[in-house]
Amino acid sequence: MPSTAPSKADKIEHPQSHYATPDELIDDRALSRDEKIKALKIWEQDARQMLTASGEGMPGSEEGIDPDNHNMLGQVERARDKLQRSTKPTASRRSAPAS
């Protein structure tokens, strides 16, 4: 049976299941800027919850196995900042005085 492509909604609600890194998410041309921001917020919430649970001695079945997982929150925050910076209009172009 052929596999179907993941839906946009699933990519947004479960980004860590579809992307290896937050940078992969922001490179996905199938998602709009707002959808990417929403997905990154969800990924950030999940990363914060995993850190909290791990700090309280309650790691999940896969949490903490890969040392790279400890950096996921920082990766998500940097990707979100990168996305927001790249889509903001530059004020200098609008308000530059004519010489």
N, C-alpha and C. Protein backbone atom coordinates (compact mmCIF):
# COMPACT_ATOMS: atom_id res chain seq x y z
N MET A 1 0.85 -1.17 0.00
CA MET A 1 0.00 0.00 0.00
C MET A 1 0.90 1.23 0.00
N PRO A 2 0.69 2.18 -0.93
CA PRO A 2 1.55 3.37 -0.98
C PRO A 2 1.30 4.28 0.21
N SER A 3 2.39 4.89 0.69
CA SER A 3 2.25 5.81 1.82
C SER A 3 1.82 7.18 1.30
N THR A 4 1.05 7.87 2.09
CA THR A 4 0.59 9.19 1.70
C THR A 4 1.49 10.25 2.32
N ALA A 5 1.58 11.38 1.67
CA ALA A 5 2.39 12.49 2.18
C ALA A 5 1.73 13.03 3.44
N PRO A 6 2.53 13.48 4.38
CA PRO A 6 1.94 14.04 5.61
C PRO A 6 1.16 15.31 5.30
N SER A 7 0.08 15.49 6.03
CA SER A 7 -0.73 16.70 5.84
C SER A 7 -0.03 17.91 6.45
N LYS A 8 -0.40 19.08 5.96
CA LYS A 8 0.16 20.31 6.54
C LYS A 8 -0.15 20.38 8.02
N ALA A 9 -1.39 20.05 8.36
CA ALA A 9 -1.81 20.13 9.76
C ALA A 9 -0.95 19.23 10.64
N ASP A 10 -0.62 18.04 10.16
CA ASP A 10 0.21 17.14 10.95
C ASP A 10 1.62 17.67 11.07
N LYS A 11 2.15 18.26 9.99
CA LYS A 11 3.49 18.85 10.04
C LYS A 11 3.54 19.99 11.06
N ILE A 12 2.46 20.74 11.17
CA ILE A 12 2.41 21.87 12.10
C ILE A 12 2.23 21.39 13.53
N GLU A 13 1.34 20.44 13.74
CA GLU A 13 1.05 19.96 15.10
C GLU A 13 2.12 19.02 15.67
N HIS A 14 2.87 18.35 14.79
CA HIS A 14 3.90 17.40 15.23
C HIS A 14 5.18 17.60 14.42
N PRO A 15 5.76 18.79 14.48
CA PRO A 15 6.91 19.08 13.62
C PRO A 15 8.11 18.17 13.86
N GLN A 16 8.35 17.80 15.09
CA GLN A 16 9.51 16.97 15.39
C GLN A 16 9.40 15.58 14.77
N SER A 17 8.21 15.18 14.35
CA SER A 17 8.02 13.89 13.69
C SER A 17 8.32 13.96 12.19
N HIS A 18 8.39 15.17 11.65
CA HIS A 18 8.56 15.34 10.20
C HIS A 18 9.87 15.99 9.81
N TYR A 19 10.54 16.62 10.76
CA TYR A 19 11.77 17.35 10.47
C TYR A 19 12.85 16.93 11.46
N ALA A 20 14.06 16.73 10.95
CA ALA A 20 15.18 16.36 11.82
C ALA A 20 15.64 17.55 12.65
N THR A 21 15.53 18.76 12.08
CA THR A 21 15.95 19.97 12.77
C THR A 21 14.95 21.09 12.50
N PRO A 22 14.92 22.09 13.35
CA PRO A 22 14.07 23.25 13.10
C PRO A 22 14.43 23.98 11.80
N ASP A 23 15.70 23.96 11.42
CA ASP A 23 16.10 24.59 10.16
C ASP A 23 15.46 23.90 8.96
N GLU A 24 15.29 22.59 9.03
CA GLU A 24 14.59 21.87 7.96
C GLU A 24 13.16 22.37 7.85
N LEU A 25 12.53 22.61 8.99
CA LEU A 25 11.16 23.11 8.99
C LEU A 25 11.08 24.47 8.28
N ILE A 26 11.98 25.38 8.61
CA ILE A 26 11.87 26.71 8.00
C ILE A 26 12.24 26.69 6.52
N ASP A 27 12.90 25.63 6.05
CA ASP A 27 13.22 25.50 4.64
C ASP A 27 12.08 24.85 3.84
N ASP A 28 11.04 24.36 4.51
CA ASP A 28 9.92 23.69 3.84
C ASP A 28 9.05 24.73 3.13
N ARG A 29 9.07 24.70 1.82
CA ARG A 29 8.32 25.68 1.01
C ARG A 29 6.82 25.41 1.00
N ALA A 30 6.40 24.24 1.48
CA ALA A 30 4.98 23.91 1.51
C ALA A 30 4.24 24.64 2.63
N LEU A 31 4.98 25.14 3.62
CA LEU A 31 4.36 25.84 4.75
C LEU A 31 4.53 27.35 4.61
N SER A 32 3.50 28.07 5.01
CA SER A 32 3.58 29.53 5.00
C SER A 32 4.39 30.00 6.20
N ARG A 33 4.73 31.27 6.22
CA ARG A 33 5.49 31.84 7.33
C ARG A 33 4.72 31.64 8.65
N ASP A 34 3.43 31.93 8.65
CA ASP A 34 2.62 31.78 9.87
C ASP A 34 2.54 30.33 10.32
N GLU A 35 2.45 29.41 9.36
CA GLU A 35 2.41 28.00 9.71
C GLU A 35 3.74 27.56 10.32
N LYS A 36 4.83 28.05 9.78
CA LYS A 36 6.15 27.72 10.32
C LYS A 36 6.31 28.25 11.74
N ILE A 37 5.85 29.47 11.97
CA ILE A 37 5.92 30.05 13.32
C ILE A 37 5.10 29.22 14.30
N LYS A 38 3.90 28.83 13.89
CA LYS A 38 3.05 28.01 14.76
C LYS A 38 3.73 26.67 15.07
N ALA A 39 4.30 26.03 14.04
CA ALA A 39 4.98 24.75 14.23
C ALA A 39 6.18 24.90 15.17
N LEU A 40 6.94 25.98 15.00
CA LEU A 40 8.10 26.21 15.87
C LEU A 40 7.67 26.47 17.31
N LYS A 41 6.54 27.15 17.51
CA LYS A 41 6.03 27.36 18.87
C LYS A 41 5.66 26.04 19.52
N ILE A 42 5.04 25.16 18.74
CA ILE A 42 4.67 23.84 19.27
C ILE A 42 5.94 23.05 19.60
N TRP A 43 6.91 23.09 18.70
CA TRP A 43 8.17 22.37 18.93
C TRP A 43 8.87 22.92 20.18
N GLU A 44 8.81 24.24 20.35
CA GLU A 44 9.42 24.87 21.53
C GLU A 44 8.72 24.39 22.80
N GLN A 45 7.40 24.36 22.79
CA GLN A 45 6.66 23.90 23.97
C GLN A 45 7.04 22.46 24.31
N ASP A 46 7.11 21.62 23.28
CA ASP A 46 7.48 20.22 23.51
C ASP A 46 8.89 20.11 24.10
N ALA A 47 9.82 20.89 23.56
CA ALA A 47 11.20 20.87 24.06
C ALA A 47 11.25 21.33 25.51
N ARG A 48 10.51 22.37 25.84
CA ARG A 48 10.48 22.86 27.23
C ARG A 48 9.89 21.80 28.17
N GLN A 49 8.82 21.14 27.72
CA GLN A 49 8.21 20.09 28.55
C GLN A 49 9.17 18.93 28.78
N MET A 50 9.93 18.56 27.73
CA MET A 50 10.90 17.48 27.91
C MET A 50 12.01 17.87 28.88
N LEU A 51 12.47 19.12 28.79
CA LEU A 51 13.50 19.57 29.72
C LEU A 51 12.98 19.57 31.16
N THR A 52 11.75 20.01 31.33
CA THR A 52 11.15 20.04 32.67
C THR A 52 11.01 18.62 33.21
N ALA A 53 10.49 17.72 32.39
CA ALA A 53 10.30 16.33 32.83
C ALA A 53 11.63 15.68 33.15
N SER A 54 12.63 15.90 32.29
CA SER A 54 13.95 15.32 32.53
C SER A 54 14.56 15.87 33.81
N GLY A 55 14.37 17.17 34.05
CA GLY A 55 14.90 17.80 35.26
C GLY A 55 14.24 17.27 36.52
N GLU A 56 13.02 16.76 36.37
CA GLU A 56 12.30 16.21 37.51
C GLU A 56 12.47 14.70 37.60
N GLY A 57 13.38 14.15 36.79
CA GLY A 57 13.65 12.72 36.86
C GLY A 57 12.62 11.86 36.17
N MET A 58 11.89 12.44 35.19
CA MET A 58 10.86 11.68 34.49
C MET A 58 11.09 11.69 32.98
N PRO A 59 12.25 11.23 32.51
CA PRO A 59 12.46 11.22 31.06
C PRO A 59 11.53 10.25 30.38
N GLY A 60 11.09 10.59 29.17
CA GLY A 60 10.24 9.71 28.38
C GLY A 60 11.06 8.59 27.80
N SER A 61 10.42 7.76 26.99
CA SER A 61 11.09 6.57 26.46
C SER A 61 12.29 6.92 25.59
N GLU A 62 12.27 8.07 24.88
CA GLU A 62 13.37 8.42 24.00
C GLU A 62 14.14 9.66 24.45
N GLU A 63 13.67 10.33 25.46
CA GLU A 63 14.30 11.57 25.90
C GLU A 63 15.64 11.30 26.55
N GLY A 64 16.60 12.11 26.22
CA GLY A 64 17.90 12.04 26.86
C GLY A 64 18.82 10.97 26.31
N ILE A 65 18.33 10.16 25.35
CA ILE A 65 19.17 9.11 24.77
C ILE A 65 20.23 9.73 23.88
N ASP A 66 19.83 10.67 23.05
CA ASP A 66 20.75 11.33 22.12
C ASP A 66 21.19 12.65 22.73
N PRO A 67 22.50 12.86 22.94
CA PRO A 67 22.97 14.11 23.54
C PRO A 67 22.56 15.34 22.73
N ASP A 68 22.32 15.19 21.43
CA ASP A 68 21.90 16.33 20.61
C ASP A 68 20.52 16.83 21.00
N ASN A 69 19.71 15.99 21.63
CA ASN A 69 18.37 16.41 22.04
C ASN A 69 18.42 17.53 23.07
N HIS A 70 19.50 17.61 23.83
CA HIS A 70 19.61 18.64 24.86
C HIS A 70 19.71 20.03 24.26
N ASN A 71 20.13 20.11 23.01
CA ASN A 71 20.28 21.40 22.34
C ASN A 71 19.05 21.80 21.54
N MET A 72 18.00 20.98 21.54
CA MET A 72 16.85 21.22 20.67
C MET A 72 16.15 22.53 20.99
N LEU A 73 15.99 22.89 22.23
CA LEU A 73 15.32 24.14 22.57
C LEU A 73 16.06 25.32 21.97
N GLY A 74 17.36 25.33 22.09
CA GLY A 74 18.16 26.41 21.50
C GLY A 74 18.04 26.44 19.99
N GLN A 75 18.01 25.26 19.36
CA GLN A 75 17.87 25.20 17.91
C GLN A 75 16.52 25.76 17.47
N VAL A 76 15.48 25.43 18.21
CA VAL A 76 14.13 25.92 17.89
C VAL A 76 14.09 27.44 18.03
N GLU A 77 14.65 27.96 19.12
CA GLU A 77 14.64 29.41 19.33
C GLU A 77 15.43 30.14 18.25
N ARG A 78 16.58 29.60 17.87
CA ARG A 78 17.37 30.24 16.81
C ARG A 78 16.65 30.19 15.46
N ALA A 79 16.00 29.09 15.17
CA ALA A 79 15.25 28.97 13.90
C ALA A 79 14.10 29.96 13.87
N ARG A 80 13.39 30.09 14.99
CA ARG A 80 12.27 31.04 15.06
C ARG A 80 12.77 32.47 14.86
N ASP A 81 13.87 32.81 15.52
CA ASP A 81 14.44 34.15 15.37
C ASP A 81 14.90 34.39 13.93
N LYS A 82 15.52 33.39 13.33
CA LYS A 82 15.98 33.50 11.95
C LYS A 82 14.80 33.73 11.00
N LEU A 83 13.73 32.99 11.21
CA LEU A 83 12.55 33.13 10.37
C LEU A 83 11.93 34.52 10.53
N GLN A 84 11.84 34.99 11.75
CA GLN A 84 11.25 36.30 11.99
C GLN A 84 12.12 37.42 11.43
N ARG A 85 13.43 37.30 11.54
CA ARG A 85 14.33 38.32 10.99
C ARG A 85 14.27 38.36 9.47
N SER A 86 14.18 37.20 8.85
CA SER A 86 14.22 37.14 7.38
C SER A 86 12.94 37.64 6.74
N THR A 87 11.87 37.75 7.49
CA THR A 87 10.59 38.16 6.90
C THR A 87 10.16 39.55 7.32
N LYS A 88 10.93 40.21 8.18
CA LYS A 88 10.58 41.57 8.59
C LYS A 88 11.03 42.56 7.52
N PRO A 89 10.18 43.54 7.20
CA PRO A 89 10.61 44.56 6.24
C PRO A 89 11.70 45.42 6.87
N THR A 90 12.62 45.86 6.07
CA THR A 90 13.70 46.69 6.60
C THR A 90 13.24 48.14 6.64
N ALA A 91 13.32 48.74 7.80
CA ALA A 91 12.87 50.11 8.00
C ALA A 91 13.77 51.10 7.25
N SER A 92 15.02 50.76 7.08
CA SER A 92 15.95 51.68 6.44
C SER A 92 15.58 51.94 4.98
N ARG A 93 14.98 50.98 4.35
CA ARG A 93 14.57 51.18 2.95
C ARG A 93 13.38 52.10 2.85
N ARG A 94 12.50 52.07 3.82
CA ARG A 94 11.30 52.89 3.80
C ARG A 94 11.57 54.35 4.17
N SER A 95 12.42 54.53 5.16
CA SER A 95 12.59 55.87 5.70
C SER A 95 13.91 56.53 5.30
N ALA A 96 14.57 55.97 4.32
CA ALA A 96 15.84 56.57 3.91
C ALA A 96 15.59 57.92 3.24
N PRO A 97 16.27 58.96 3.71
CA PRO A 97 16.06 60.28 3.11
C PRO A 97 16.65 60.34 1.71
N ALA A 98 16.00 61.09 0.87
CA ALA A 98 16.48 61.27 -0.49
C ALA A 98 17.66 62.23 -0.50
N SER A 99 18.72 61.89 -1.20
CA SER A 99 19.91 62.74 -1.23
C SER A 99 20.07 63.35 -2.58
